[in-house]
Amino acid sequence: MSNTDNDLFADAARQVLADQCTPNVVRAIEEHGNAAPETAALWAQLEATGLADAMLPEEQGGASLGLGAVFGVLEQCGAHALPLPLADTMLARAMLAAANVDKPEGRIVLARGVRVGDNVNAALVRNARVAQSVLLEVDGECRLLNLNGAQLTPQALALDAGVQWTAAQWQAAPVVPSTTDLRTAQAAVVAAQMAGALKSVFDRTLQYANERQQFGRPIGKFQAIQHQLAVMSEHVFAARMAAQLGCSGDGTTPDRLRVATAKARCSQAALAVSETAHAIHGAIGFTEEYDLQLFTRRLHAWRQTAGSESYWHNVAGEALLNANGMTLDVIRNITDVETA
């Protein structure tokens, strides 16, 4: 798959989302979930483009794309604050195909859970209220569970939920054997979405700084603001480079150490970029009517999803400690995509 082909998929995602995933649509879906007519309409458009099946084998109607090839698509999901789990669905369908498990209708989200008595609990499932199924990992075993009939508990963000299934529901769910670690794969796709959201936050902040007048000139002309914007840009572009490394390769199984680098760097950037963006915008950036919070709320949520920077720093640190002093070799294996 050439870079030109990859750009075509990213461009297709950009065009669909720019037209169909407007801030008003995002708000409507966040408020009403699956009941919003915008939910079905937006998903139908995404399905029609073939993006949801892009990682499926060609014989199953997909394009046989790996994570590296769909990075641009994942990035656009974050750049437009897509309130539907396209990224999770793409990855889940690829994992189901590899395990010879039939894909269910509708949207799939990824989550990790624990056994609590006779039940199986997932304390936080992102986008559970706009999904139909969950690919859930419990004690190293993945199963595909239906959200219909599960017990959902509201969470801080409107589309998220805590979910509980009975032992009978867990046992009846199909097992999805996989060589892909679910947390690592989820972290890779989340980092790519964070890269897109970070760029949108920076672009919006830069535009605001050039338009907002104070003391007779745009605030972006003041050296203090220029310095803040420069630091923001460093975070944004470093995070994007790291996220690309996390999704590098042709398959659907990412390199764990590269993902550790990607998710840790993007989570670090999420906090720094969001804080600076809101500092430059002032109080207006926090208002519900202003679009900035659509992105910064997601960045804070994604920062914790599949492990925060502290978790992935530990993963990277253990790799360095186990390298027997060959730190440079570890760094080369992370950054040298062609020879790793």
C-alpha atoms as a PDB file:
ATOM      1  CA  MET A   1       0.000   0.000   0.000  1.00  0.00           C
ATOM      2  CA  SER A   2       1.588   3.255  -1.129  1.00  0.00           C
ATOM      3  CA  ASN A   3       1.572   6.566   0.727  1.00  0.00           C
ATOM      4  CA  THR A   4      -0.642   7.938  -2.041  1.00  0.00           C
ATOM      5  CA  ASP A   5      -3.211   5.217  -1.372  1.00  0.00           C
ATOM      6  CA  ASN A   6      -3.052   5.963   2.347  1.00  0.00           C
ATOM      7  CA  ASP A   7      -3.647   9.645   1.630  1.00  0.00           C
ATOM      8  CA  LEU A   8      -6.736   8.732  -0.387  1.00  0.00           C
ATOM      9  CA  PHE A   9      -8.295   7.006   2.619  1.00  0.00           C
ATOM     10  CA  ALA A  10      -7.398   9.928   4.879  1.00  0.00           C
ATOM     11  CA  ASP A  11      -8.834  12.387   2.350  1.00  0.00           C
ATOM     12  CA  ALA A  12     -12.048  10.356   2.134  1.00  0.00           C
ATOM     13  CA  ALA A  13     -12.383  10.443   5.914  1.00  0.00           C
ATOM     14  CA  ARG A  14     -11.645  14.173   5.977  1.00  0.00           C
ATOM     15  CA  GLN A  15     -14.299  14.948   3.370  1.00  0.00           C
ATOM     16  CA  VAL A  16     -17.008  12.854   5.004  1.00  0.00           C
ATOM     17  CA  LEU A  17     -16.324  14.121   8.512  1.00  0.00           C
ATOM     18  CA  ALA A  18     -15.953  17.768   7.499  1.00  0.00           C
ATOM     19  CA  ASP A  19     -19.361  17.581   5.826  1.00  0.00           C
ATOM     20  CA  GLN A  20     -21.246  15.257   8.178  1.00  0.00           C
ATOM     21  CA  CYS A  21     -19.530  15.542  11.583  1.00  0.00           C
ATOM     22  CA  THR A  22     -20.080  19.213  12.355  1.00  0.00           C
ATOM     23  CA  PRO A  23     -19.998  20.547  15.932  1.00  0.00           C
ATOM     24  CA  ASN A  24     -23.810  20.639  15.956  1.00  0.00           C
ATOM     25  CA  VAL A  25     -23.936  16.965  14.979  1.00  0.00           C
ATOM     26  CA  VAL A  26     -21.409  16.108  17.684  1.00  0.00           C
ATOM     27  CA  ARG A  27     -23.537  17.890  20.284  1.00  0.00           C
ATOM     28  CA  ALA A  28     -26.738  16.178  19.127  1.00  0.00           C
ATOM     29  CA  ILE A  29     -25.154  12.730  19.345  1.00  0.00           C
ATOM     30  CA  GLU A  30     -23.635  13.487  22.745  1.00  0.00           C
ATOM     31  CA  GLU A  31     -27.030  14.560  24.064  1.00  0.00           C
ATOM     32  CA  HIS A  32     -29.197  11.783  22.643  1.00  0.00           C
ATOM     33  CA  GLY A  33     -26.827   8.898  21.864  1.00  0.00           C
ATOM     34  CA  ASN A  34     -28.314   6.164  19.700  1.00  0.00           C
ATOM     35  CA  ALA A  35     -31.683   7.931  19.791  1.00  0.00           C
ATOM     36  CA  ALA A  36     -30.333  10.879  17.799  1.00  0.00           C
ATOM     37  CA  PRO A  37     -31.167  10.655  14.076  1.00  0.00           C
ATOM     38  CA  GLU A  38     -27.708  12.098  13.431  1.00  0.00           C
ATOM     39  CA  THR A  39     -26.155   8.931  14.873  1.00  0.00           C
ATOM     40  CA  ALA A  40     -27.617   6.601  12.267  1.00  0.00           C
ATOM     41  CA  ALA A  41     -27.109   9.105   9.444  1.00  0.00           C
ATOM     42  CA  LEU A  42     -23.441   9.711  10.239  1.00  0.00           C
ATOM     43  CA  TRP A  43     -22.695   6.011  10.666  1.00  0.00           C
ATOM     44  CA  ALA A  44     -24.402   5.201   7.379  1.00  0.00           C
ATOM     45  CA  GLN A  45     -22.100   7.666   5.641  1.00  0.00           C
ATOM     46  CA  LEU A  46     -19.025   6.119   7.256  1.00  0.00           C
ATOM     47  CA  GLU A  47     -20.133   2.619   6.304  1.00  0.00           C
ATOM     48  CA  ALA A  48     -20.862   3.747   2.741  1.00  0.00           C
ATOM     49  CA  THR A  49     -17.286   4.949   2.312  1.00  0.00           C
ATOM     50  CA  GLY A  50     -15.966   1.541   3.344  1.00  0.00           C
ATOM     51  CA  LEU A  51     -13.893   3.028   6.153  1.00  0.00           C
ATOM     52  CA  ALA A  52     -15.359   0.793   8.866  1.00  0.00           C
ATOM     53  CA  ASP A  53     -14.255  -2.309   6.914  1.00  0.00           C
ATOM     54  CA  ALA A  54     -10.926  -0.913   5.703  1.00  0.00           C
ATOM     55  CA  MET A  55      -8.857  -3.281   7.859  1.00  0.00           C
ATOM     56  CA  LEU A  56     -10.799  -6.388   6.833  1.00  0.00           C
ATOM     57  CA  PRO A  57      -9.254  -8.788   4.293  1.00  0.00           C
ATOM     58  CA  GLU A  58     -10.175  -8.095   0.693  1.00  0.00           C
ATOM     59  CA  GLU A  59     -12.083 -11.395   0.430  1.00  0.00           C
ATOM     60  CA  GLN A  60     -14.390 -10.106   3.177  1.00  0.00           C
ATOM     61  CA  GLY A  61     -15.049  -6.790   1.486  1.00  0.00           C
ATOM     62  CA  GLY A  62     -12.244  -4.815   3.085  1.00  0.00           C
ATOM     63  CA  ALA A  63      -9.017  -3.284   1.841  1.00  0.00           C
ATOM     64  CA  SER A  64      -6.559  -5.359   3.931  1.00  0.00           C
ATOM     65  CA  LEU A  65      -5.098  -2.218   5.495  1.00  0.00           C
ATOM     66  CA  GLY A  66      -2.819  -2.297   8.506  1.00  0.00           C
ATOM     67  CA  LEU A  67      -2.617   0.268  11.271  1.00  0.00           C
ATOM     68  CA  GLY A  68       0.034   2.256   9.438  1.00  0.00           C
ATOM     69  CA  ALA A  69      -2.189   2.626   6.395  1.00  0.00           C
ATOM     70  CA  VAL A  70      -5.215   3.834   8.369  1.00  0.00           C
ATOM     71  CA  PHE A  71      -3.310   6.286  10.566  1.00  0.00           C
ATOM     72  CA  GLY A  72      -4.654   9.232   8.559  1.00  0.00           C
ATOM     73  CA  VAL A  73      -8.228   7.969   8.989  1.00  0.00           C
ATOM     74  CA  LEU A  74      -7.791   7.616  12.748  1.00  0.00           C
ATOM     75  CA  GLU A  75      -6.231  11.069  12.901  1.00  0.00           C
ATOM     76  CA  GLN A  76      -9.241  12.577  11.135  1.00  0.00           C
ATOM     77  CA  CYS A  77     -11.575  10.960  13.670  1.00  0.00           C
ATOM     78  CA  GLY A  78      -9.844  12.953  16.387  1.00  0.00           C
ATOM     79  CA  ALA A  79      -9.534  16.090  14.292  1.00  0.00           C
ATOM     80  CA  HIS A  80     -13.330  16.246  13.905  1.00  0.00           C
ATOM     81  CA  ALA A  81     -14.233  15.045  17.435  1.00  0.00           C
ATOM     82  CA  LEU A  82     -16.089  12.079  15.934  1.00  0.00           C
ATOM     83  CA  PRO A  83     -18.535  10.927  18.640  1.00  0.00           C
ATOM     84  CA  LEU A  84     -18.871   7.417  17.159  1.00  0.00           C
ATOM     85  CA  PRO A  85     -16.398   4.536  17.668  1.00  0.00           C
ATOM     86  CA  LEU A  86     -15.156   4.202  14.085  1.00  0.00           C
ATOM     87  CA  ALA A  87     -11.561   3.552  15.195  1.00  0.00           C
ATOM     88  CA  ASP A  88     -12.571   0.825  17.652  1.00  0.00           C
ATOM     89  CA  THR A  89     -14.891  -0.753  15.107  1.00  0.00           C
ATOM     90  CA  MET A  90     -12.198  -0.867  12.416  1.00  0.00           C
ATOM     91  CA  LEU A  91      -9.762  -2.606  14.746  1.00  0.00           C
ATOM     92  CA  ALA A  92     -12.358  -4.916  16.285  1.00  0.00           C
ATOM     93  CA  ARG A  93     -13.606  -6.094  12.896  1.00  0.00           C
ATOM     94  CA  ALA A  94     -10.030  -6.885  11.851  1.00  0.00           C
ATOM     95  CA  MET A  95      -9.473  -8.886  15.043  1.00  0.00           C
ATOM     96  CA  LEU A  96     -12.748 -10.756  14.558  1.00  0.00           C
ATOM     97  CA  ALA A  97     -11.828 -11.597  10.970  1.00  0.00           C
ATOM     98  CA  ALA A  98      -8.424 -12.911  12.060  1.00  0.00           C
ATOM     99  CA  ALA A  99     -10.170 -15.120  14.632  1.00  0.00           C
ATOM    100  CA  ASN A 100     -12.803 -16.343  12.126  1.00  0.00           C
ATOM    101  CA  VAL A 101     -15.594 -14.834  14.215  1.00  0.00           C
ATOM    102  CA  ASP A 102     -18.492 -13.269  12.332  1.00  0.00           C
ATOM    103  CA  LYS A 103     -18.710  -9.519  12.783  1.00  0.00           C
ATOM    104  CA  PRO A 104     -21.920  -8.219  14.373  1.00  0.00           C
ATOM    105  CA  GLU A 105     -24.028  -5.472  12.907  1.00  0.00           C
ATOM    106  CA  GLY A 106     -23.285  -1.955  14.022  1.00  0.00           C
ATOM    107  CA  ARG A 107     -20.577  -0.355  16.087  1.00  0.00           C
ATOM    108  CA  ILE A 108     -18.078  -2.132  18.334  1.00  0.00           C
ATOM    109  CA  VAL A 109     -16.083  -0.649  21.196  1.00  0.00           C
ATOM    110  CA  LEU A 110     -12.997  -2.024  22.932  1.00  0.00           C
ATOM    111  CA  ALA A 111     -12.744  -2.424  26.693  1.00  0.00           C
ATOM    112  CA  ARG A 112     -11.110  -4.342  29.511  1.00  0.00           C
ATOM    113  CA  GLY A 113     -13.042  -5.807  32.407  1.00  0.00           C
ATOM    114  CA  VAL A 114     -12.795  -7.806  35.619  1.00  0.00           C
ATOM    115  CA  ARG A 115     -14.805 -10.530  37.318  1.00  0.00           C
ATOM    116  CA  VAL A 116     -16.838  -9.338  40.293  1.00  0.00           C
ATOM    117  CA  GLY A 117     -18.563 -12.274  41.939  1.00  0.00           C
ATOM    118  CA  ASP A 118     -20.610 -14.004  39.259  1.00  0.00           C
ATOM    119  CA  ASN A 119     -20.633 -10.950  37.010  1.00  0.00           C
ATOM    120  CA  VAL A 120     -18.216  -9.366  34.562  1.00  0.00           C
ATOM    121  CA  ASN A 121     -17.722  -5.614  34.951  1.00  0.00           C
ATOM    122  CA  ALA A 122     -16.115  -2.998  32.739  1.00  0.00           C
ATOM    123  CA  ALA A 123     -15.827   0.107  34.896  1.00  0.00           C
ATOM    124  CA  LEU A 124     -15.523   2.470  31.935  1.00  0.00           C
ATOM    125  CA  VAL A 125     -16.445   1.746  28.326  1.00  0.00           C
ATOM    126  CA  ARG A 126     -15.831   4.684  26.005  1.00  0.00           C
ATOM    127  CA  ASN A 127     -18.741   5.404  23.630  1.00  0.00           C
ATOM    128  CA  ALA A 128     -20.810   2.565  25.078  1.00  0.00           C
ATOM    129  CA  ARG A 129     -24.022   4.542  24.546  1.00  0.00           C
ATOM    130  CA  VAL A 130     -23.494   4.715  20.785  1.00  0.00           C
ATOM    131  CA  ALA A 131     -22.332   1.126  20.305  1.00  0.00           C
ATOM    132  CA  GLN A 132     -24.025  -2.225  19.875  1.00  0.00           C
ATOM    133  CA  SER A 133     -21.212  -4.592  20.907  1.00  0.00           C
ATOM    134  CA  VAL A 134     -18.093  -4.677  23.076  1.00  0.00           C
ATOM    135  CA  LEU A 135     -14.912  -6.625  22.412  1.00  0.00           C
ATOM    136  CA  LEU A 136     -14.011  -7.217  26.049  1.00  0.00           C
ATOM    137  CA  GLU A 137     -10.806  -8.607  27.531  1.00  0.00           C
ATOM    138  CA  VAL A 138     -11.002 -10.254  30.945  1.00  0.00           C
ATOM    139  CA  ASP A 139      -8.006 -12.091  32.410  1.00  0.00           C
ATOM    140  CA  GLY A 140      -6.358 -12.281  29.008  1.00  0.00           C
ATOM    141  CA  GLU A 141      -9.414 -13.714  27.233  1.00  0.00           C
ATOM    142  CA  CYS A 142     -11.387 -11.695  24.671  1.00  0.00           C
ATOM    143  CA  ARG A 143     -15.085 -12.207  24.031  1.00  0.00           C
ATOM    144  CA  LEU A 144     -17.610 -10.352  21.903  1.00  0.00           C
ATOM    145  CA  LEU A 145     -20.533  -9.217  24.038  1.00  0.00           C
ATOM    146  CA  ASN A 146     -23.803  -7.567  23.129  1.00  0.00           C
ATOM    147  CA  LEU A 147     -24.706  -4.348  24.900  1.00  0.00           C
ATOM    148  CA  ASN A 148     -28.381  -5.195  24.587  1.00  0.00           C
ATOM    149  CA  GLY A 149     -29.364  -6.639  27.947  1.00  0.00           C
ATOM    150  CA  ALA A 150     -26.258  -5.418  29.760  1.00  0.00           C
ATOM    151  CA  GLN A 151     -26.538  -3.086  32.743  1.00  0.00           C
ATOM    152  CA  LEU A 152     -25.169   0.393  31.969  1.00  0.00           C
ATOM    153  CA  THR A 153     -24.122   2.938  34.597  1.00  0.00           C
ATOM    154  CA  PRO A 154     -23.707   6.630  33.633  1.00  0.00           C
ATOM    155  CA  GLN A 155     -20.208   8.114  33.670  1.00  0.00           C
ATOM    156  CA  ALA A 156     -18.804  11.645  33.572  1.00  0.00           C
ATOM    157  CA  LEU A 157     -18.941  11.888  29.773  1.00  0.00           C
ATOM    158  CA  ALA A 158     -22.387  11.418  28.268  1.00  0.00           C
ATOM    159  CA  LEU A 159     -21.485   8.700  25.766  1.00  0.00           C
ATOM    160  CA  ASP A 160     -19.445   6.591  28.208  1.00  0.00           C
ATOM    161  CA  ALA A 161     -20.801   4.029  30.638  1.00  0.00           C
ATOM    162  CA  GLY A 162     -19.833   1.418  33.146  1.00  0.00           C
ATOM    163  CA  VAL A 163     -21.156  -1.924  31.893  1.00  0.00           C
ATOM    164  CA  GLN A 164     -22.009  -5.148  33.709  1.00  0.00           C
ATOM    165  CA  TRP A 165     -22.832  -8.554  32.236  1.00  0.00           C
ATOM    166  CA  THR A 166     -24.004 -11.678  34.025  1.00  0.00           C
ATOM    167  CA  ALA A 167     -21.944 -14.851  34.084  1.00  0.00           C
ATOM    168  CA  ALA A 168     -24.437 -16.412  31.668  1.00  0.00           C
ATOM    169  CA  GLN A 169     -24.017 -13.565  29.181  1.00  0.00           C
ATOM    170  CA  TRP A 170     -20.223 -13.872  29.375  1.00  0.00           C
ATOM    171  CA  GLN A 171     -20.272 -17.630  28.853  1.00  0.00           C
ATOM    172  CA  ALA A 172     -22.660 -17.335  25.901  1.00  0.00           C
ATOM    173  CA  ALA A 173     -20.472 -14.766  24.142  1.00  0.00           C
ATOM    174  CA  PRO A 174     -18.130 -16.015  21.403  1.00  0.00           C
ATOM    175  CA  VAL A 175     -14.451 -16.267  22.306  1.00  0.00           C
ATOM    176  CA  VAL A 176     -12.152 -14.188  20.107  1.00  0.00           C
ATOM    177  CA  PRO A 177      -8.685 -15.774  20.179  1.00  0.00           C
ATOM    178  CA  SER A 178      -6.066 -13.205  19.258  1.00  0.00           C
ATOM    179  CA  THR A 179      -2.317 -12.668  19.250  1.00  0.00           C
ATOM    180  CA  THR A 180      -2.950  -8.931  19.581  1.00  0.00           C
ATOM    181  CA  ASP A 181      -2.846  -7.454  23.076  1.00  0.00           C
ATOM    182  CA  LEU A 182      -6.080  -5.486  23.308  1.00  0.00           C
ATOM    183  CA  ARG A 183      -4.730  -2.699  25.510  1.00  0.00           C
ATOM    184  CA  THR A 184      -1.730  -2.143  23.238  1.00  0.00           C
ATOM    185  CA  ALA A 185      -3.837  -2.070  20.077  1.00  0.00           C
ATOM    186  CA  GLN A 186      -6.394   0.251  21.659  1.00  0.00           C
ATOM    187  CA  ALA A 187      -3.648   2.590  22.850  1.00  0.00           C
ATOM    188  CA  ALA A 188      -2.276   2.796  19.305  1.00  0.00           C
ATOM    189  CA  VAL A 189      -5.595   3.876  17.777  1.00  0.00           C
ATOM    190  CA  VAL A 190      -6.329   6.258  20.656  1.00  0.00           C
ATOM    191  CA  ALA A 191      -2.937   7.944  20.219  1.00  0.00           C
ATOM    192  CA  ALA A 192      -3.667   8.488  16.526  1.00  0.00           C
ATOM    193  CA  GLN A 193      -6.995  10.124  17.367  1.00  0.00           C
ATOM    194  CA  MET A 194      -5.310  12.266  19.998  1.00  0.00           C
ATOM    195  CA  ALA A 195      -2.843  13.487  17.372  1.00  0.00           C
ATOM    196  CA  GLY A 196      -5.741  14.730  15.260  1.00  0.00           C
ATOM    197  CA  ALA A 197      -7.507  16.389  18.175  1.00  0.00           C
ATOM    198  CA  LEU A 198      -4.295  18.077  19.325  1.00  0.00           C
ATOM    199  CA  LYS A 199      -3.808  19.614  15.891  1.00  0.00           C
ATOM    200  CA  SER A 200      -7.398  20.894  15.858  1.00  0.00           C
ATOM    201  CA  VAL A 201      -6.970  22.470  19.286  1.00  0.00           C
ATOM    202  CA  PHE A 202      -3.765  24.169  18.158  1.00  0.00           C
ATOM    203  CA  ASP A 203      -5.293  25.427  14.896  1.00  0.00           C
ATOM    204  CA  ARG A 204      -8.319  26.846  16.706  1.00  0.00           C
ATOM    205  CA  THR A 205      -6.144  28.503  19.334  1.00  0.00           C
ATOM    206  CA  LEU A 206      -3.843  30.038  16.727  1.00  0.00           C
ATOM    207  CA  GLN A 207      -6.834  31.409  14.819  1.00  0.00           C
ATOM    208  CA  TYR A 208      -8.356  32.833  18.007  1.00  0.00           C
ATOM    209  CA  ALA A 209      -5.061  34.493  18.976  1.00  0.00           C
ATOM    210  CA  ASN A 210      -4.869  36.173  15.579  1.00  0.00           C
ATOM    211  CA  GLU A 211      -8.478  37.402  15.748  1.00  0.00           C
ATOM    212  CA  ARG A 212      -8.901  38.412  19.409  1.00  0.00           C
ATOM    213  CA  GLN A 213      -8.072  42.099  19.831  1.00  0.00           C
ATOM    214  CA  GLN A 214      -6.646  43.520  23.045  1.00  0.00           C
ATOM    215  CA  PHE A 215      -4.942  46.902  23.537  1.00  0.00           C
ATOM    216  CA  GLY A 216      -5.448  47.685  19.873  1.00  0.00           C
ATOM    217  CA  ARG A 217      -3.865  44.602  18.336  1.00  0.00           C
ATOM    218  CA  PRO A 218      -4.374  40.808  18.119  1.00  0.00           C
ATOM    219  CA  ILE A 219      -3.246  39.015  21.265  1.00  0.00           C
ATOM    220  CA  GLY A 220      -1.153  36.770  19.018  1.00  0.00           C
ATOM    221  CA  LYS A 221       1.181  39.729  18.499  1.00  0.00           C
ATOM    222  CA  PHE A 222       2.216  39.682  22.163  1.00  0.00           C
ATOM    223  CA  GLN A 223       5.446  37.836  22.840  1.00  0.00           C
ATOM    224  CA  ALA A 224       4.038  35.893  25.800  1.00  0.00           C
ATOM    225  CA  ILE A 225       1.230  34.470  23.651  1.00  0.00           C
ATOM    226  CA  GLN A 226       3.646  33.718  20.812  1.00  0.00           C
ATOM    227  CA  HIS A 227       5.816  31.747  23.214  1.00  0.00           C
ATOM    228  CA  GLN A 228       2.821  29.745  24.438  1.00  0.00           C
ATOM    229  CA  LEU A 229       1.808  28.978  20.857  1.00  0.00           C
ATOM    230  CA  ALA A 230       5.348  27.892  20.010  1.00  0.00           C
ATOM    231  CA  VAL A 231       5.414  25.454  22.922  1.00  0.00           C
ATOM    232  CA  MET A 232       1.980  24.158  21.900  1.00  0.00           C
ATOM    233  CA  SER A 233       3.201  23.476  18.375  1.00  0.00           C
ATOM    234  CA  GLU A 234       6.179  21.526  19.719  1.00  0.00           C
ATOM    235  CA  HIS A 235       3.853  19.275  21.718  1.00  0.00           C
ATOM    236  CA  VAL A 236       1.436  18.834  18.816  1.00  0.00           C
ATOM    237  CA  PHE A 237       3.960  17.812  16.205  1.00  0.00           C
ATOM    238  CA  ALA A 238       6.049  15.664  18.553  1.00  0.00           C
ATOM    239  CA  ALA A 239       2.872  13.834  19.558  1.00  0.00           C
ATOM    240  CA  ARG A 240       1.914  13.276  15.928  1.00  0.00           C
ATOM    241  CA  MET A 241       5.315  11.801  15.105  1.00  0.00           C
ATOM    242  CA  ALA A 242       5.064   9.490  18.114  1.00  0.00           C
ATOM    243  CA  ALA A 243       1.525   8.448  17.166  1.00  0.00           C
ATOM    244  CA  GLN A 244       2.694   7.573  13.659  1.00  0.00           C
ATOM    245  CA  LEU A 245       5.395   5.358  15.146  1.00  0.00           C
ATOM    246  CA  GLY A 246       2.773   3.661  17.304  1.00  0.00           C
ATOM    247  CA  CYS A 247       0.749   2.748  14.227  1.00  0.00           C
ATOM    248  CA  SER A 248       3.733   1.872  12.024  1.00  0.00           C
ATOM    249  CA  GLY A 249       3.806  -1.450  10.217  1.00  0.00           C
ATOM    250  CA  ASP A 250       1.579  -3.322   7.806  1.00  0.00           C
ATOM    251  CA  GLY A 251      -0.417  -5.494  10.200  1.00  0.00           C
ATOM    252  CA  THR A 252      -2.961  -5.016  12.964  1.00  0.00           C
ATOM    253  CA  THR A 253      -0.581  -5.963  15.788  1.00  0.00           C
ATOM    254  CA  PRO A 254       1.450  -2.890  16.793  1.00  0.00           C
ATOM    255  CA  ASP A 255       4.876  -2.938  18.410  1.00  0.00           C
ATOM    256  CA  ARG A 256       4.318  -2.551  22.160  1.00  0.00           C
ATOM    257  CA  LEU A 257       7.348  -0.346  22.788  1.00  0.00           C
ATOM    258  CA  ARG A 258       6.440   2.009  19.954  1.00  0.00           C
ATOM    259  CA  VAL A 259       2.908   2.189  21.283  1.00  0.00           C
ATOM    260  CA  ALA A 260       4.286   2.986  24.737  1.00  0.00           C
ATOM    261  CA  THR A 261       6.198   5.893  23.213  1.00  0.00           C
ATOM    262  CA  ALA A 262       3.153   7.052  21.256  1.00  0.00           C
ATOM    263  CA  LYS A 263       0.561   6.891  24.004  1.00  0.00           C
ATOM    264  CA  ALA A 264       2.838   8.391  26.649  1.00  0.00           C
ATOM    265  CA  ARG A 265       3.815  11.322  24.426  1.00  0.00           C
ATOM    266  CA  CYS A 266       0.258  12.003  23.290  1.00  0.00           C
ATOM    267  CA  SER A 267      -1.076  11.832  26.846  1.00  0.00           C
ATOM    268  CA  GLN A 268       1.595  14.272  27.993  1.00  0.00           C
ATOM    269  CA  ALA A 269       0.728  16.618  25.158  1.00  0.00           C
ATOM    270  CA  ALA A 270      -3.002  16.376  25.884  1.00  0.00           C
ATOM    271  CA  LEU A 271      -2.609  17.981  29.292  1.00  0.00           C
ATOM    272  CA  ALA A 272      -0.139  20.668  28.215  1.00  0.00           C
ATOM    273  CA  VAL A 273      -1.944  21.641  25.010  1.00  0.00           C
ATOM    274  CA  SER A 274      -5.399  21.720  26.619  1.00  0.00           C
ATOM    275  CA  GLU A 275      -4.190  23.889  29.493  1.00  0.00           C
ATOM    276  CA  THR A 276      -2.507  26.379  27.177  1.00  0.00           C
ATOM    277  CA  ALA A 277      -5.434  26.491  24.770  1.00  0.00           C
ATOM    278  CA  HIS A 278      -7.861  27.347  27.555  1.00  0.00           C
ATOM    279  CA  ALA A 279      -5.435  29.873  29.031  1.00  0.00           C
ATOM    280  CA  ILE A 280      -5.234  31.725  25.709  1.00  0.00           C
ATOM    281  CA  HIS A 281      -8.977  31.530  25.086  1.00  0.00           C
ATOM    282  CA  GLY A 282      -9.920  32.591  28.588  1.00  0.00           C
ATOM    283  CA  ALA A 283     -13.352  31.849  30.010  1.00  0.00           C
ATOM    284  CA  ILE A 284     -15.070  31.493  26.633  1.00  0.00           C
ATOM    285  CA  GLY A 285     -13.185  28.265  25.923  1.00  0.00           C
ATOM    286  CA  PHE A 286     -14.941  26.520  28.812  1.00  0.00           C
ATOM    287  CA  THR A 287     -18.478  27.358  27.691  1.00  0.00           C
ATOM    288  CA  GLU A 288     -20.647  24.611  26.262  1.00  0.00           C
ATOM    289  CA  GLU A 289     -21.511  26.725  23.224  1.00  0.00           C
ATOM    290  CA  TYR A 290     -17.859  27.116  22.235  1.00  0.00           C
ATOM    291  CA  ASP A 291     -16.371  24.289  20.172  1.00  0.00           C
ATOM    292  CA  LEU A 292     -12.975  24.096  21.880  1.00  0.00           C
ATOM    293  CA  GLN A 293     -14.294  21.980  24.739  1.00  0.00           C
ATOM    294  CA  LEU A 294     -15.497  19.304  22.304  1.00  0.00           C
ATOM    295  CA  PHE A 295     -11.838  18.509  21.666  1.00  0.00           C
ATOM    296  CA  THR A 296     -10.233  19.180  25.043  1.00  0.00           C
ATOM    297  CA  ARG A 297     -12.788  17.012  26.866  1.00  0.00           C
ATOM    298  CA  ARG A 298     -11.922  14.143  24.549  1.00  0.00           C
ATOM    299  CA  LEU A 299      -8.215  14.698  24.996  1.00  0.00           C
ATOM    300  CA  HIS A 300      -8.555  14.432  28.767  1.00  0.00           C
ATOM    301  CA  ALA A 301     -10.656  11.266  28.397  1.00  0.00           C
ATOM    302  CA  TRP A 302      -8.269   9.700  25.879  1.00  0.00           C
ATOM    303  CA  ARG A 303      -5.331  10.547  28.125  1.00  0.00           C
ATOM    304  CA  GLN A 304      -6.569   7.864  30.540  1.00  0.00           C
ATOM    305  CA  THR A 305      -7.920   5.400  27.978  1.00  0.00           C
ATOM    306  CA  ALA A 306      -5.808   2.229  27.606  1.00  0.00           C
ATOM    307  CA  GLY A 307      -3.326   3.596  30.132  1.00  0.00           C
ATOM    308  CA  SER A 308      -2.113   7.080  30.969  1.00  0.00           C
ATOM    309  CA  GLU A 309       1.425   8.320  30.400  1.00  0.00           C
ATOM    310  CA  SER A 310       2.551   6.904  33.755  1.00  0.00           C
ATOM    311  CA  TYR A 311       1.517   3.379  32.734  1.00  0.00           C
ATOM    312  CA  TRP A 312       3.287   3.555  29.388  1.00  0.00           C
ATOM    313  CA  HIS A 313       6.344   5.250  30.902  1.00  0.00           C
ATOM    314  CA  ASN A 314       6.667   2.157  33.087  1.00  0.00           C
ATOM    315  CA  VAL A 315       6.472  -0.084  30.012  1.00  0.00           C
ATOM    316  CA  ALA A 316       9.190   1.916  28.273  1.00  0.00           C
ATOM    317  CA  GLY A 317      11.298   2.075  31.435  1.00  0.00           C
ATOM    318  CA  GLU A 318      11.192  -1.695  31.909  1.00  0.00           C
ATOM    319  CA  ALA A 319      12.318  -2.177  28.306  1.00  0.00           C
ATOM    320  CA  LEU A 320      15.269   0.132  28.860  1.00  0.00           C
ATOM    321  CA  LEU A 321      16.243  -1.582  32.111  1.00  0.00           C
ATOM    322  CA  ASN A 322      16.098  -4.976  30.409  1.00  0.00           C
ATOM    323  CA  ALA A 323      18.283  -3.822  27.520  1.00  0.00           C
ATOM    324  CA  ASN A 324      21.521  -4.549  29.403  1.00  0.00           C
ATOM    325  CA  GLY A 325      22.857  -1.074  28.804  1.00  0.00           C
ATOM    326  CA  MET A 326      22.021  -1.053  25.093  1.00  0.00           C
ATOM    327  CA  THR A 327      19.804   2.025  25.362  1.00  0.00           C
ATOM    328  CA  LEU A 328      20.726   3.276  21.898  1.00  0.00           C
ATOM    329  CA  ASP A 329      19.601  -0.006  20.337  1.00  0.00           C
ATOM    330  CA  VAL A 330      16.230   0.306  22.065  1.00  0.00           C
ATOM    331  CA  ILE A 331      15.786   3.833  20.740  1.00  0.00           C
ATOM    332  CA  ARG A 332      16.775   2.743  17.239  1.00  0.00           C
ATOM    333  CA  ASN A 333      14.250  -0.089  17.315  1.00  0.00           C
ATOM    334  CA  ILE A 334      11.538   2.395  18.242  1.00  0.00           C
ATOM    335  CA  THR A 335      12.352   5.067  15.686  1.00  0.00           C
ATOM    336  CA  ASP A 336      13.817   3.129  12.749  1.00  0.00           C
ATOM    337  CA  VAL A 337      10.664   1.781  11.154  1.00  0.00           C
ATOM    338  CA  GLU A 338      12.380   0.320   8.097  1.00  0.00           C
ATOM    339  CA  THR A 339      14.904  -1.830   9.954  1.00  0.00           C
ATOM    340  CA  ALA A 340      13.101  -2.633  13.177  1.00  0.00           C
END
